[in-house]
Amino acid sequence: MATRGSERLSRQLGSRCTFDEGQLQRVLEVLRENDLKIVDWECKGQPQPDFFSGTVEVDGRRLGKATEVLGLNLGERVKIELFPYGIPVPDVFRLRFESQGH
C-alpha cells in the first residue's frame, strides 16, 4: 500500500518542528532589542512547543527593519502578515507572525 503524502511529511519533519525554551527566549529578546512592541503572543504544543505566533507594532520608518528581524529570527517556516493603521497615511503597522519550528 502506498504511503500517504501527509505521513511522509510528518516523518520528514518529525522532531525538527519543535522549539526549546532557549529559542523562544531568544526570539523575545530580539523583539525587545529592536524596540518592537509585543502586542500579542501565543505558544502551542505540549510538552515541547511546536508552534508560536504573535503580533508586534512598529512605526512606518522601521517597518523594513522589523520585517527583516522577524524573518531572520523565526526559523525557516514563518508567515508574516502586515496591517497598516492610520488614515489617510499609515503611521503604525502591526506585523502578525506565525512560526512552526526550526
N, C-alpha and C. Protein backbone atom coordinates (compact mmCIF):
# COMPACT_ATOMS: atom_id res chain seq x y z
N MET A 1 0.84 -1.18 0.00
CA MET A 1 0.00 0.00 0.00
C MET A 1 0.89 1.24 0.00
N ALA A 2 0.54 2.22 -0.78
CA ALA A 2 1.33 3.45 -0.91
C ALA A 2 1.21 4.29 0.35
N THR A 3 2.30 4.99 0.68
CA THR A 3 2.33 5.87 1.85
C THR A 3 1.68 7.19 1.48
N ARG A 4 0.81 7.67 2.35
CA ARG A 4 0.16 8.96 2.12
C ARG A 4 1.18 10.08 2.22
N GLY A 5 0.94 11.15 1.48
CA GLY A 5 1.84 12.30 1.49
C GLY A 5 1.96 12.93 2.87
N SER A 6 0.85 13.01 3.60
CA SER A 6 0.89 13.60 4.93
C SER A 6 1.74 12.76 5.89
N GLU A 7 1.71 11.45 5.73
CA GLU A 7 2.54 10.58 6.57
C GLU A 7 4.02 10.78 6.26
N ARG A 8 4.35 10.89 4.98
CA ARG A 8 5.75 11.13 4.60
C ARG A 8 6.23 12.47 5.15
N LEU A 9 5.38 13.50 5.04
CA LEU A 9 5.75 14.82 5.53
C LEU A 9 5.96 14.79 7.05
N SER A 10 5.09 14.12 7.77
CA SER A 10 5.25 14.02 9.22
C SER A 10 6.56 13.34 9.58
N ARG A 11 6.92 12.28 8.86
CA ARG A 11 8.19 11.59 9.12
C ARG A 11 9.37 12.50 8.81
N GLN A 12 9.29 13.23 7.70
CA GLN A 12 10.39 14.13 7.32
C GLN A 12 10.59 15.22 8.35
N LEU A 13 9.51 15.82 8.79
CA LEU A 13 9.62 16.95 9.71
C LEU A 13 9.90 16.49 11.13
N GLY A 14 9.24 15.41 11.54
CA GLY A 14 9.47 14.79 12.83
C GLY A 14 9.78 15.77 13.95
N SER A 15 10.90 15.59 14.62
CA SER A 15 11.25 16.41 15.78
C SER A 15 11.83 17.77 15.40
N ARG A 16 12.06 18.00 14.12
CA ARG A 16 12.59 19.31 13.71
C ARG A 16 11.60 20.43 13.98
N CYS A 17 10.34 20.13 14.20
CA CYS A 17 9.29 21.14 14.32
C CYS A 17 9.03 21.54 15.76
N THR A 18 10.04 21.58 16.58
CA THR A 18 9.82 21.98 17.96
C THR A 18 10.77 23.12 18.33
N PHE A 19 10.41 23.80 19.40
CA PHE A 19 11.21 24.89 19.92
C PHE A 19 11.60 24.54 21.34
N ASP A 20 12.80 24.87 21.71
CA ASP A 20 13.12 24.73 23.12
C ASP A 20 12.96 26.10 23.79
N GLU A 21 12.99 26.11 25.10
CA GLU A 21 12.76 27.35 25.83
C GLU A 21 13.79 28.42 25.48
N GLY A 22 15.02 28.02 25.24
CA GLY A 22 16.06 28.98 24.87
C GLY A 22 15.77 29.68 23.55
N GLN A 23 15.25 28.95 22.57
CA GLN A 23 14.92 29.55 21.28
C GLN A 23 13.79 30.57 21.43
N LEU A 24 12.79 30.23 22.22
CA LEU A 24 11.67 31.14 22.42
C LEU A 24 12.13 32.40 23.17
N GLN A 25 12.99 32.23 24.17
CA GLN A 25 13.53 33.38 24.90
C GLN A 25 14.34 34.27 23.97
N ARG A 26 15.11 33.66 23.08
CA ARG A 26 15.93 34.43 22.14
C ARG A 26 15.05 35.29 21.22
N VAL A 27 13.96 34.71 20.74
CA VAL A 27 13.04 35.47 19.88
C VAL A 27 12.48 36.67 20.64
N LEU A 28 12.05 36.46 21.88
CA LEU A 28 11.53 37.57 22.68
C LEU A 28 12.59 38.64 22.90
N GLU A 29 13.83 38.23 23.17
CA GLU A 29 14.92 39.19 23.36
C GLU A 29 15.18 39.99 22.10
N VAL A 30 15.17 39.33 20.95
CA VAL A 30 15.40 40.02 19.67
C VAL A 30 14.30 41.05 19.42
N LEU A 31 13.05 40.69 19.73
CA LEU A 31 11.95 41.64 19.54
C LEU A 31 12.15 42.86 20.43
N ARG A 32 12.53 42.63 21.67
CA ARG A 32 12.73 43.75 22.61
C ARG A 32 13.94 44.59 22.22
N GLU A 33 15.03 43.94 21.82
CA GLU A 33 16.25 44.66 21.43
C GLU A 33 16.00 45.60 20.26
N ASN A 34 15.08 45.22 19.39
CA ASN A 34 14.78 46.02 18.21
C ASN A 34 13.57 46.93 18.41
N ASP A 35 13.20 47.15 19.66
CA ASP A 35 12.09 48.05 20.02
C ASP A 35 10.80 47.73 19.29
N LEU A 36 10.51 46.43 19.15
CA LEU A 36 9.24 46.01 18.57
C LEU A 36 8.28 45.77 19.71
N LYS A 37 7.22 46.54 19.75
CA LYS A 37 6.24 46.43 20.84
C LYS A 37 5.43 45.14 20.65
N ILE A 38 5.52 44.26 21.63
CA ILE A 38 4.79 43.00 21.57
C ILE A 38 3.35 43.25 22.00
N VAL A 39 2.42 43.03 21.06
CA VAL A 39 1.01 43.27 21.31
C VAL A 39 0.32 41.97 21.73
N ASP A 40 0.74 40.86 21.14
CA ASP A 40 0.10 39.57 21.38
C ASP A 40 1.16 38.48 21.23
N TRP A 41 0.99 37.37 21.98
CA TRP A 41 1.97 36.29 21.95
C TRP A 41 1.26 34.99 22.31
N GLU A 42 1.49 33.92 21.56
CA GLU A 42 0.86 32.64 21.85
C GLU A 42 1.81 31.51 21.48
N CYS A 43 1.84 30.50 22.30
CA CYS A 43 2.69 29.35 22.08
C CYS A 43 1.83 28.10 22.25
N LYS A 44 1.96 27.12 21.34
CA LYS A 44 1.15 25.90 21.42
C LYS A 44 2.06 24.68 21.34
N GLY A 45 1.60 23.62 21.97
CA GLY A 45 2.31 22.35 21.90
C GLY A 45 2.78 21.89 23.26
N GLN A 46 2.50 20.66 23.59
CA GLN A 46 2.93 20.07 24.85
C GLN A 46 3.56 18.71 24.57
N PRO A 47 4.58 18.32 25.18
CA PRO A 47 5.29 19.02 26.24
C PRO A 47 6.25 20.07 25.70
N GLN A 48 6.57 20.00 24.42
CA GLN A 48 7.50 20.97 23.84
C GLN A 48 6.78 21.74 22.74
N PRO A 49 6.82 23.08 22.77
CA PRO A 49 6.09 23.88 21.77
C PRO A 49 6.52 23.57 20.34
N ASP A 50 5.55 23.50 19.45
CA ASP A 50 5.85 23.29 18.04
C ASP A 50 5.26 24.40 17.16
N PHE A 51 4.64 25.39 17.79
CA PHE A 51 4.03 26.50 17.04
C PHE A 51 3.98 27.72 17.96
N PHE A 52 4.35 28.86 17.43
CA PHE A 52 4.08 30.09 18.17
C PHE A 52 3.77 31.21 17.20
N SER A 53 3.01 32.17 17.71
CA SER A 53 2.60 33.29 16.89
C SER A 53 2.55 34.53 17.77
N GLY A 54 2.48 35.65 17.13
CA GLY A 54 2.40 36.89 17.88
C GLY A 54 2.17 38.07 16.96
N THR A 55 2.01 39.22 17.58
CA THR A 55 1.83 40.46 16.85
C THR A 55 2.73 41.50 17.47
N VAL A 56 3.45 42.23 16.63
CA VAL A 56 4.28 43.33 17.10
C VAL A 56 3.84 44.60 16.40
N GLU A 57 4.09 45.73 17.04
CA GLU A 57 3.71 47.02 16.48
C GLU A 57 4.97 47.83 16.24
N VAL A 58 5.02 48.52 15.11
CA VAL A 58 6.20 49.29 14.73
C VAL A 58 5.77 50.51 13.92
N ASP A 59 6.54 51.59 14.00
CA ASP A 59 6.21 52.75 13.18
C ASP A 59 6.71 52.54 11.74
N GLY A 60 6.19 53.32 10.84
CA GLY A 60 6.46 53.14 9.42
C GLY A 60 7.93 53.27 9.03
N ARG A 61 8.69 54.07 9.76
CA ARG A 61 10.11 54.26 9.42
C ARG A 61 10.94 53.01 9.67
N ARG A 62 10.48 52.16 10.60
CA ARG A 62 11.25 50.97 10.94
C ARG A 62 10.61 49.68 10.42
N LEU A 63 9.66 49.82 9.53
CA LEU A 63 8.92 48.66 9.02
C LEU A 63 9.84 47.66 8.33
N GLY A 64 10.71 48.12 7.47
CA GLY A 64 11.61 47.22 6.75
C GLY A 64 12.53 46.45 7.69
N LYS A 65 13.10 47.15 8.66
CA LYS A 65 13.99 46.52 9.63
C LYS A 65 13.23 45.49 10.47
N ALA A 66 12.01 45.84 10.88
CA ALA A 66 11.20 44.92 11.69
C ALA A 66 10.89 43.63 10.93
N THR A 67 10.53 43.76 9.66
CA THR A 67 10.24 42.60 8.84
C THR A 67 11.47 41.73 8.68
N GLU A 68 12.61 42.37 8.47
CA GLU A 68 13.87 41.64 8.34
C GLU A 68 14.21 40.89 9.63
N VAL A 69 14.07 41.55 10.76
CA VAL A 69 14.37 40.93 12.06
C VAL A 69 13.48 39.71 12.28
N LEU A 70 12.19 39.83 12.00
CA LEU A 70 11.28 38.70 12.17
C LEU A 70 11.65 37.56 11.24
N GLY A 71 11.89 37.88 9.99
CA GLY A 71 12.23 36.84 9.02
C GLY A 71 13.50 36.09 9.34
N LEU A 72 14.50 36.79 9.85
CA LEU A 72 15.78 36.16 10.14
C LEU A 72 15.79 35.37 11.44
N ASN A 73 14.90 35.67 12.35
CA ASN A 73 14.96 35.07 13.69
C ASN A 73 13.85 34.08 14.01
N LEU A 74 12.93 33.87 13.11
CA LEU A 74 11.81 32.99 13.42
C LEU A 74 11.89 31.63 12.76
N GLY A 75 12.95 31.30 12.11
CA GLY A 75 13.08 29.98 11.50
C GLY A 75 12.73 29.98 10.03
N GLU A 76 12.77 28.78 9.47
CA GLU A 76 12.57 28.63 8.03
C GLU A 76 11.12 28.81 7.60
N ARG A 77 10.21 28.34 8.42
CA ARG A 77 8.79 28.39 8.04
C ARG A 77 8.09 29.46 8.85
N VAL A 78 8.11 30.65 8.32
CA VAL A 78 7.48 31.77 9.02
C VAL A 78 6.52 32.47 8.06
N LYS A 79 5.41 32.90 8.61
CA LYS A 79 4.41 33.65 7.85
C LYS A 79 4.27 35.01 8.53
N ILE A 80 4.37 36.08 7.75
CA ILE A 80 4.25 37.43 8.29
C ILE A 80 3.14 38.16 7.54
N GLU A 81 2.19 38.70 8.28
CA GLU A 81 1.11 39.50 7.70
C GLU A 81 1.24 40.93 8.20
N LEU A 82 0.98 41.88 7.33
CA LEU A 82 1.14 43.30 7.64
C LEU A 82 -0.21 43.99 7.66
N PHE A 83 -0.47 44.74 8.73
CA PHE A 83 -1.71 45.51 8.86
C PHE A 83 -1.37 46.97 9.11
N PRO A 84 -1.65 47.87 8.15
CA PRO A 84 -1.37 49.29 8.36
C PRO A 84 -2.48 49.97 9.17
N TYR A 85 -2.09 50.91 10.03
CA TYR A 85 -3.03 51.71 10.81
C TYR A 85 -2.73 53.19 10.58
N GLY A 86 -3.76 53.96 10.32
CA GLY A 86 -3.61 55.39 10.11
C GLY A 86 -4.29 55.84 8.84
N ILE A 87 -5.10 56.88 8.95
CA ILE A 87 -5.81 57.42 7.79
C ILE A 87 -5.50 58.89 7.71
N PRO A 88 -5.15 59.45 6.59
CA PRO A 88 -5.01 58.84 5.27
C PRO A 88 -3.64 58.22 5.03
N VAL A 89 -2.69 58.48 5.93
CA VAL A 89 -1.33 57.94 5.74
C VAL A 89 -1.03 56.97 6.88
N PRO A 90 -0.75 55.71 6.58
CA PRO A 90 -0.42 54.75 7.64
C PRO A 90 0.84 55.20 8.40
N ASP A 91 0.75 55.26 9.72
CA ASP A 91 1.91 55.66 10.52
C ASP A 91 2.34 54.57 11.49
N VAL A 92 1.46 53.61 11.75
CA VAL A 92 1.78 52.48 12.62
C VAL A 92 1.40 51.20 11.89
N PHE A 93 2.23 50.20 12.03
CA PHE A 93 1.97 48.92 11.38
C PHE A 93 2.01 47.80 12.42
N ARG A 94 1.12 46.85 12.26
CA ARG A 94 1.16 45.65 13.08
C ARG A 94 1.59 44.49 12.19
N LEU A 95 2.58 43.78 12.66
CA LEU A 95 3.08 42.61 11.95
C LEU A 95 2.67 41.37 12.74
N ARG A 96 1.84 40.55 12.13
CA ARG A 96 1.42 39.29 12.74
C ARG A 96 2.31 38.20 12.18
N PHE A 97 2.92 37.41 13.06
CA PHE A 97 3.80 36.35 12.59
C PHE A 97 3.39 35.01 13.15
N GLU A 98 3.68 33.97 12.37
CA GLU A 98 3.48 32.58 12.79
C GLU A 98 4.71 31.80 12.41
N SER A 99 5.19 31.00 13.31
CA SER A 99 6.37 30.19 13.05
C SER A 99 6.12 28.77 13.51
N GLN A 100 6.51 27.80 12.68
CA GLN A 100 6.32 26.40 13.02
C GLN A 100 7.66 25.68 13.02
N GLY A 101 8.37 25.78 14.09
CA GLY A 101 9.61 25.03 14.27
C GLY A 101 10.76 25.50 13.44
N HIS A 102 11.94 25.08 13.88
CA HIS A 102 13.18 25.40 13.19
C HIS A 102 13.69 24.19 12.47
